C-alpha atoms as a PDB file:
ATOM      1  CA  MET A   1      76.270  -7.810  50.547  1.00  0.00           C
ATOM      2  CA  HIS A   2      79.921  -6.939  51.168  1.00  0.00           C
ATOM      3  CA  PRO A   3      81.540  -4.555  48.566  1.00  0.00           C
ATOM      4  CA  PHE A   4      84.227  -7.161  47.880  1.00  0.00           C
ATOM      5  CA  THR A   5      81.521  -9.664  46.915  1.00  0.00           C
ATOM      6  CA  TYR A   6      80.036  -7.156  44.421  1.00  0.00           C
ATOM      7  CA  LEU A   7      83.480  -6.535  42.906  1.00  0.00           C
ATOM      8  CA  LEU A   8      84.222 -10.265  42.689  1.00  0.00           C
ATOM      9  CA  SER A   9      80.797 -10.904  41.152  1.00  0.00           C
ATOM     10  CA  TYR A  10      81.411  -8.174  38.526  1.00  0.00           C
ATOM     11  CA  LEU A  11      84.881  -9.501  37.651  1.00  0.00           C
ATOM     12  CA  LEU A  12      83.583 -13.045  37.316  1.00  0.00           C
ATOM     13  CA  THR A  13      80.770 -11.851  35.060  1.00  0.00           C
ATOM     14  CA  VAL A  14      83.273 -10.051  32.809  1.00  0.00           C
ATOM     15  CA  LEU A  15      85.505 -13.132  32.724  1.00  0.00           C
ATOM     16  CA  ALA A  16      82.513 -15.302  31.855  1.00  0.00           C
ATOM     17  CA  TRP A  17      81.954 -13.296  28.658  1.00  0.00           C
ATOM     18  CA  PHE A  18      85.539 -13.880  27.509  1.00  0.00           C
ATOM     19  CA  HIS A  19      85.805 -17.540  28.500  1.00  0.00           C
ATOM     20  CA  PHE A  20      82.212 -18.522  27.723  1.00  0.00           C
ATOM     21  CA  GLN A  21      81.442 -20.041  31.080  1.00  0.00           C
ATOM     22  CA  CYS A  22      79.321 -18.809  33.918  1.00  0.00           C
ATOM     23  CA  LEU A  23      80.918 -18.348  37.318  1.00  0.00           C
ATOM     24  CA  CYS A  24      78.142 -17.891  39.849  1.00  0.00           C
ATOM     25  CA  ILE A  25      78.495 -16.650  43.410  1.00  0.00           C
ATOM     26  CA  VAL A  26      76.454 -18.680  45.855  1.00  0.00           C
ATOM     27  CA  SER A  27      76.300 -17.370  49.440  1.00  0.00           C
ATOM     28  CA  ILE A  28      76.385 -20.140  52.031  1.00  0.00           C
ATOM     29  CA  VAL A  29      76.983 -19.304  55.710  1.00  0.00           C
ATOM     30  CA  SER A  30      78.057 -15.749  54.797  1.00  0.00           C
ATOM     31  CA  PHE A  31      81.060 -16.622  52.611  1.00  0.00           C
ATOM     32  CA  PRO A  32      81.085 -16.702  48.813  1.00  0.00           C
ATOM     33  CA  LEU A  33      81.476 -20.104  47.206  1.00  0.00           C
ATOM     34  CA  LEU A  34      82.322 -20.420  43.536  1.00  0.00           C
ATOM     35  CA  THR A  35      80.299 -22.882  41.497  1.00  0.00           C
ATOM     36  CA  TYR A  36      81.404 -23.516  37.929  1.00  0.00           C
ATOM     37  CA  LEU A  37      78.527 -24.000  35.532  1.00  0.00           C
ATOM     38  CA  ARG A  38      79.384 -24.557  31.893  1.00  0.00           C
ATOM     39  CA  SER A  39      77.045 -23.606  29.093  1.00  0.00           C
ATOM     40  CA  TYR A  40      78.591 -24.841  25.892  1.00  0.00           C
ATOM     41  CA  CYS A  41      75.709 -23.566  23.740  1.00  0.00           C
ATOM     42  CA  PHE A  42      76.256 -20.072  25.219  1.00  0.00           C
ATOM     43  CA  SER A  43      79.615 -19.955  23.437  1.00  0.00           C
ATOM     44  CA  SER A  44      77.882 -20.582  20.060  1.00  0.00           C
ATOM     45  CA  PRO A  45      80.078 -23.510  19.006  1.00  0.00           C
ATOM     46  CA  CYS A  46      77.894 -24.344  15.992  1.00  0.00           C
ATOM     47  CA  HIS A  47      78.724 -22.579  12.713  1.00  0.00           C
ATOM     48  CA  HIS A  48      76.759 -21.072   9.800  1.00  0.00           C
ATOM     49  CA  GLY A  49      73.480 -20.392  11.607  1.00  0.00           C
ATOM     50  CA  SER A  50      73.013 -23.944  12.827  1.00  0.00           C
ATOM     51  CA  VAL A  51      71.289 -24.601  16.139  1.00  0.00           C
ATOM     52  CA  CYS A  52      73.106 -25.770  19.259  1.00  0.00           C
ATOM     53  CA  VAL A  53      71.060 -28.341  21.171  1.00  0.00           C
ATOM     54  CA  TYR A  54      72.140 -28.933  24.767  1.00  0.00           C
ATOM     55  CA  LEU A  55      71.897 -32.617  25.741  1.00  0.00           C
ATOM     56  CA  GLY A  56      73.810 -32.744  29.007  1.00  0.00           C
ATOM     57  CA  VAL A  57      76.876 -34.819  29.881  1.00  0.00           C
ATOM     58  CA  CYS A  58      74.880 -37.908  30.852  1.00  0.00           C
ATOM     59  CA  THR A  59      72.821 -40.114  28.537  1.00  0.00           C
ATOM     60  CA  CYS A  60      70.205 -40.518  31.304  1.00  0.00           C
ATOM     61  CA  ARG A  61      67.841 -37.564  30.915  1.00  0.00           C
ATOM     62  CA  ASP A  62      66.671 -37.714  34.545  1.00  0.00           C
ATOM     63  CA  VAL A  63      70.269 -37.119  35.721  1.00  0.00           C
ATOM     64  CA  VAL A  64      70.479 -33.968  33.581  1.00  0.00           C
ATOM     65  CA  LEU A  65      67.119 -32.762  34.918  1.00  0.00           C
ATOM     66  CA  THR A  66      68.014 -33.536  38.554  1.00  0.00           C
ATOM     67  CA  CYS A  67      71.406 -31.811  38.420  1.00  0.00           C
ATOM     68  CA  GLY A  68      70.238 -28.915  36.285  1.00  0.00           C
ATOM     69  CA  ASN A  69      70.867 -28.285  32.642  1.00  0.00           C
ATOM     70  CA  HIS A  70      74.373 -26.909  32.925  1.00  0.00           C
ATOM     71  CA  ASP A  71      75.787 -28.340  36.152  1.00  0.00           C
ATOM     72  CA  GLU A  72      78.003 -30.812  34.352  1.00  0.00           C
ATOM     73  CA  ILE A  73      80.100 -31.625  37.419  1.00  0.00           C
ATOM     74  CA  CYS A  74      76.989 -33.004  39.134  1.00  0.00           C
ATOM     75  CA  GLN A  75      75.837 -34.721  35.937  1.00  0.00           C
ATOM     76  CA  ARG A  76      79.190 -36.452  35.436  1.00  0.00           C
ATOM     77  CA  ALA A  77      79.406 -37.637  39.062  1.00  0.00           C
ATOM     78  CA  GLU A  78      75.822 -38.960  39.123  1.00  0.00           C
ATOM     79  CA  CYS A  79      76.250 -40.546  35.695  1.00  0.00           C
ATOM     80  CA  LEU A  80      79.399 -42.405  36.761  1.00  0.00           C
ATOM     81  CA  ARG A  81      77.631 -43.527  39.940  1.00  0.00           C
ATOM     82  CA  ARG A  82      74.797 -45.034  37.848  1.00  0.00           C
ATOM     83  CA  SER A  83      77.072 -46.700  35.280  1.00  0.00           C
ATOM     84  CA  PRO A  84      76.596 -48.916  33.211  1.00  0.00           C
ATOM     85  CA  ASP A  85      72.934 -47.819  32.847  1.00  0.00           C
ATOM     86  CA  CYS A  86      74.081 -44.261  32.170  1.00  0.00           C
ATOM     87  CA  GLN A  87      77.011 -43.210  30.007  1.00  0.00           C
ATOM     88  CA  VAL A  88      79.055 -39.993  30.014  1.00  0.00           C
ATOM     89  CA  ARG A  89      78.907 -38.248  26.645  1.00  0.00           C
ATOM     90  CA  GLU A  90      82.075 -36.915  25.011  1.00  0.00           C
ATOM     91  CA  ARG A  91      80.267 -33.643  24.216  1.00  0.00           C
ATOM     92  CA  SER A  92      77.236 -32.229  26.063  1.00  0.00           C
ATOM     93  CA  TYR A  93      75.671 -30.671  22.969  1.00  0.00           C
ATOM     94  CA  THR A  94      75.020 -31.379  19.325  1.00  0.00           C
ATOM     95  CA  CYS A  95      74.683 -29.062  16.350  1.00  0.00           C
ATOM     96  CA  ASP A  96      71.590 -29.276  14.141  1.00  0.00           C
ATOM     97  CA  CYS A  97      72.811 -28.414  10.628  1.00  0.00           C
ATOM     98  CA  SER A  98      69.382 -28.807   8.970  1.00  0.00           C
ATOM     99  CA  GLY A  99      68.827 -26.360   6.137  1.00  0.00           C
ATOM    100  CA  THR A 100      72.224 -24.659   6.427  1.00  0.00           C
ATOM    101  CA  GLY A 101      74.067 -26.304   3.522  1.00  0.00           C
ATOM    102  CA  TYR A 102      76.771 -27.435   5.938  1.00  0.00           C
ATOM    103  CA  ALA A 103      77.624 -30.695   7.726  1.00  0.00           C
ATOM    104  CA  GLY A 104      80.036 -31.987  10.369  1.00  0.00           C
ATOM    105  CA  ASP A 105      79.991 -32.041  14.162  1.00  0.00           C
ATOM    106  CA  LEU A 106      79.973 -28.226  14.290  1.00  0.00           C
ATOM    107  CA  CYS A 107      78.379 -27.629  10.839  1.00  0.00           C
ATOM    108  CA  GLU A 108      81.762 -26.416   9.623  1.00  0.00           C
ATOM    109  CA  MET A 109      82.015 -28.329   6.303  1.00  0.00           C
ATOM    110  CA  ASP A 110      80.289 -27.119   3.133  1.00  0.00           C
ATOM    111  CA  VAL A 111      77.986 -29.700   1.554  1.00  0.00           C
ATOM    112  CA  ASN A 112      78.524 -30.018  -2.198  1.00  0.00           C
ATOM    113  CA  GLU A 113      74.880 -30.092  -3.289  1.00  0.00           C
ATOM    114  CA  CYS A 114      75.943 -30.788  -6.882  1.00  0.00           C
ATOM    115  CA  ALA A 115      77.702 -34.023  -5.892  1.00  0.00           C
ATOM    116  CA  GLY A 116      75.513 -34.956  -2.934  1.00  0.00           C
ATOM    117  CA  GLU A 117      72.694 -37.449  -2.703  1.00  0.00           C
ATOM    118  CA  ASP A 118      70.597 -35.205  -4.983  1.00  0.00           C
ATOM    119  CA  GLY A 119      73.492 -35.426  -7.433  1.00  0.00           C
ATOM    120  CA  PRO A 120      72.816 -34.237 -10.953  1.00  0.00           C
ATOM    121  CA  SER A 121      69.118 -33.969 -10.121  1.00  0.00           C
ATOM    122  CA  TYR A 122      69.737 -30.980  -7.808  1.00  0.00           C
ATOM    123  CA  CYS A 123      69.162 -28.840 -10.891  1.00  0.00           C
ATOM    124  CA  GLN A 124      66.202 -30.278 -12.756  1.00  0.00           C
ATOM    125  CA  HIS A 125      65.624 -30.651 -16.511  1.00  0.00           C
ATOM    126  CA  GLY A 126      69.286 -30.536 -17.523  1.00  0.00           C
ATOM    127  CA  GLY A 127      70.215 -27.389 -15.601  1.00  0.00           C
ATOM    128  CA  ARG A 128      73.923 -27.084 -14.786  1.00  0.00           C
ATOM    129  CA  CYS A 129      74.832 -27.059 -11.101  1.00  0.00           C
ATOM    130  CA  ARG A 130      77.571 -24.934  -9.486  1.00  0.00           C
ATOM    131  CA  ASN A 131      78.311 -25.430  -5.792  1.00  0.00           C
ATOM    132  CA  THR A 132      78.583 -22.331  -3.581  1.00  0.00           C
ATOM    133  CA  GLN A 133      79.321 -21.958   0.134  1.00  0.00           C
ATOM    134  CA  GLY A 134      76.257 -23.361   1.909  1.00  0.00           C
ATOM    135  CA  SER A 135      74.191 -23.758  -1.245  1.00  0.00           C
ATOM    136  CA  ALA A 136      74.272 -24.266  -5.018  1.00  0.00           C
ATOM    137  CA  VAL A 137      73.272 -22.270  -8.087  1.00  0.00           C
ATOM    138  CA  CYS A 138      71.556 -23.701 -11.155  1.00  0.00           C
ATOM    139  CA  ASN A 139      72.155 -22.360 -14.654  1.00  0.00           C
ATOM    140  CA  CYS A 140      68.905 -23.044 -16.519  1.00  0.00           C
ATOM    141  CA  SER A 141      69.895 -21.496 -19.852  1.00  0.00           C
ATOM    142  CA  ARG A 142      68.834 -23.495 -22.933  1.00  0.00           C
ATOM    143  CA  THR A 143      66.643 -25.848 -20.896  1.00  0.00           C
ATOM    144  CA  GLY A 144      63.248 -24.204 -21.375  1.00  0.00           C
ATOM    145  CA  PHE A 145      62.898 -23.971 -17.600  1.00  0.00           C
ATOM    146  CA  ILE A 146      63.456 -21.285 -14.972  1.00  0.00           C
ATOM    147  CA  GLY A 147      63.507 -21.126 -11.168  1.00  0.00           C
ATOM    148  CA  SER A 148      66.128 -21.685  -8.505  1.00  0.00           C
ATOM    149  CA  ARG A 149      66.384 -25.379  -9.490  1.00  0.00           C
ATOM    150  CA  CYS A 150      65.066 -25.145 -13.092  1.00  0.00           C
ATOM    151  CA  GLN A 151      61.721 -26.495 -11.924  1.00  0.00           C
ATOM    152  CA  VAL A 152      59.329 -24.037 -13.642  1.00  0.00           C
ATOM    153  CA  ASP A 153      58.453 -24.748 -17.280  1.00  0.00           C
ATOM    154  CA  VAL A 154      58.516 -21.753 -19.624  1.00  0.00           C
ATOM    155  CA  ASP A 155      55.688 -21.446 -22.157  1.00  0.00           C
ATOM    156  CA  GLU A 156      57.825 -20.247 -25.048  1.00  0.00           C
ATOM    157  CA  CYS A 157      54.738 -19.372 -27.108  1.00  0.00           C
ATOM    158  CA  ARG A 158      53.889 -16.689 -24.550  1.00  0.00           C
ATOM    159  CA  ALA A 159      57.415 -15.914 -23.360  1.00  0.00           C
ATOM    160  CA  ARG A 160      57.846 -12.848 -25.581  1.00  0.00           C
ATOM    161  CA  GLY A 161      54.671 -11.252 -24.256  1.00  0.00           C
ATOM    162  CA  GLY A 162      52.616  -8.516 -25.862  1.00  0.00           C
ATOM    163  CA  ASP A 163      51.803  -8.702 -29.570  1.00  0.00           C
ATOM    164  CA  THR A 164      55.254  -9.855 -30.712  1.00  0.00           C
ATOM    165  CA  PRO A 165      54.743 -13.094 -32.617  1.00  0.00           C
ATOM    166  CA  VAL A 166      56.918 -16.126 -31.927  1.00  0.00           C
ATOM    167  CA  CYS A 167      56.272 -17.565 -35.357  1.00  0.00           C
ATOM    168  CA  TYR A 168      56.377 -15.588 -38.599  1.00  0.00           C
ATOM    169  CA  ASN A 169      54.626 -15.992 -41.971  1.00  0.00           C
ATOM    170  CA  ASP A 170      51.363 -17.089 -40.342  1.00  0.00           C
ATOM    171  CA  GLY A 171      53.103 -19.943 -38.494  1.00  0.00           C
ATOM    172  CA  GLN A 172      51.340 -21.363 -35.441  1.00  0.00           C
ATOM    173  CA  CYS A 173      53.225 -21.902 -32.172  1.00  0.00           C
ATOM    174  CA  CYS A 174      52.478 -25.244 -30.541  1.00  0.00           C
ATOM    175  CA  TRP A 175      53.834 -25.407 -27.030  1.00  0.00           C
ATOM    176  CA  ASP A 176      54.989 -28.720 -25.611  1.00  0.00           C
ATOM    177  CA  ILE A 177      56.734 -29.524 -22.336  1.00  0.00           C
ATOM    178  CA  TYR A 178      60.053 -30.250 -24.039  1.00  0.00           C
ATOM    179  CA  PHE A 179      60.076 -28.378 -27.324  1.00  0.00           C
ATOM    180  CA  ILE A 180      58.278 -25.957 -29.610  1.00  0.00           C
ATOM    181  CA  HIS A 181      56.813 -27.021 -32.919  1.00  0.00           C
ATOM    182  CA  ARG A 182      56.642 -24.236 -35.417  1.00  0.00           C
ATOM    183  CA  HIS A 183      54.292 -24.759 -38.317  1.00  0.00           C
ATOM    184  CA  THR A 184      54.800 -22.544 -41.334  1.00  0.00           C
END
């Protein structure tokens, strides 16, 4: 390969890192030909640990497979040729925000778990909910429950542990799911 081709290949590789697109040298009849191949998932457009799923420019999966996953110029041309059966997508990828605590096209918006579809039930058994970035925190104090969502019942009769009595003066501790009866 000619030294100029190596230099051009190196420069294009460096540029690809800064512009998030691949510029590949393809040798045809001994002269370099530039082919632009875009990889939108390579640029990590999805936020907060979400997953970028490449779909292709065309809604017809066979067009994406025939042209290659990231040859969007070919995909667009073939898709337009096969219209109206195939449609050109506005964006060739989608972001899967599952389990991140974020929503939106790029998973850029914090979900308020305290006001979401789980609503007041995000924290169980009367726990108080406070939204945080990408999650929520439950304050379980004075509920008789513990756990990240106040889901674990505390046996108050055994909560002190050891030989320390819960009830004094020969009282008997009777544990119930919602309250303690103390008999004296």
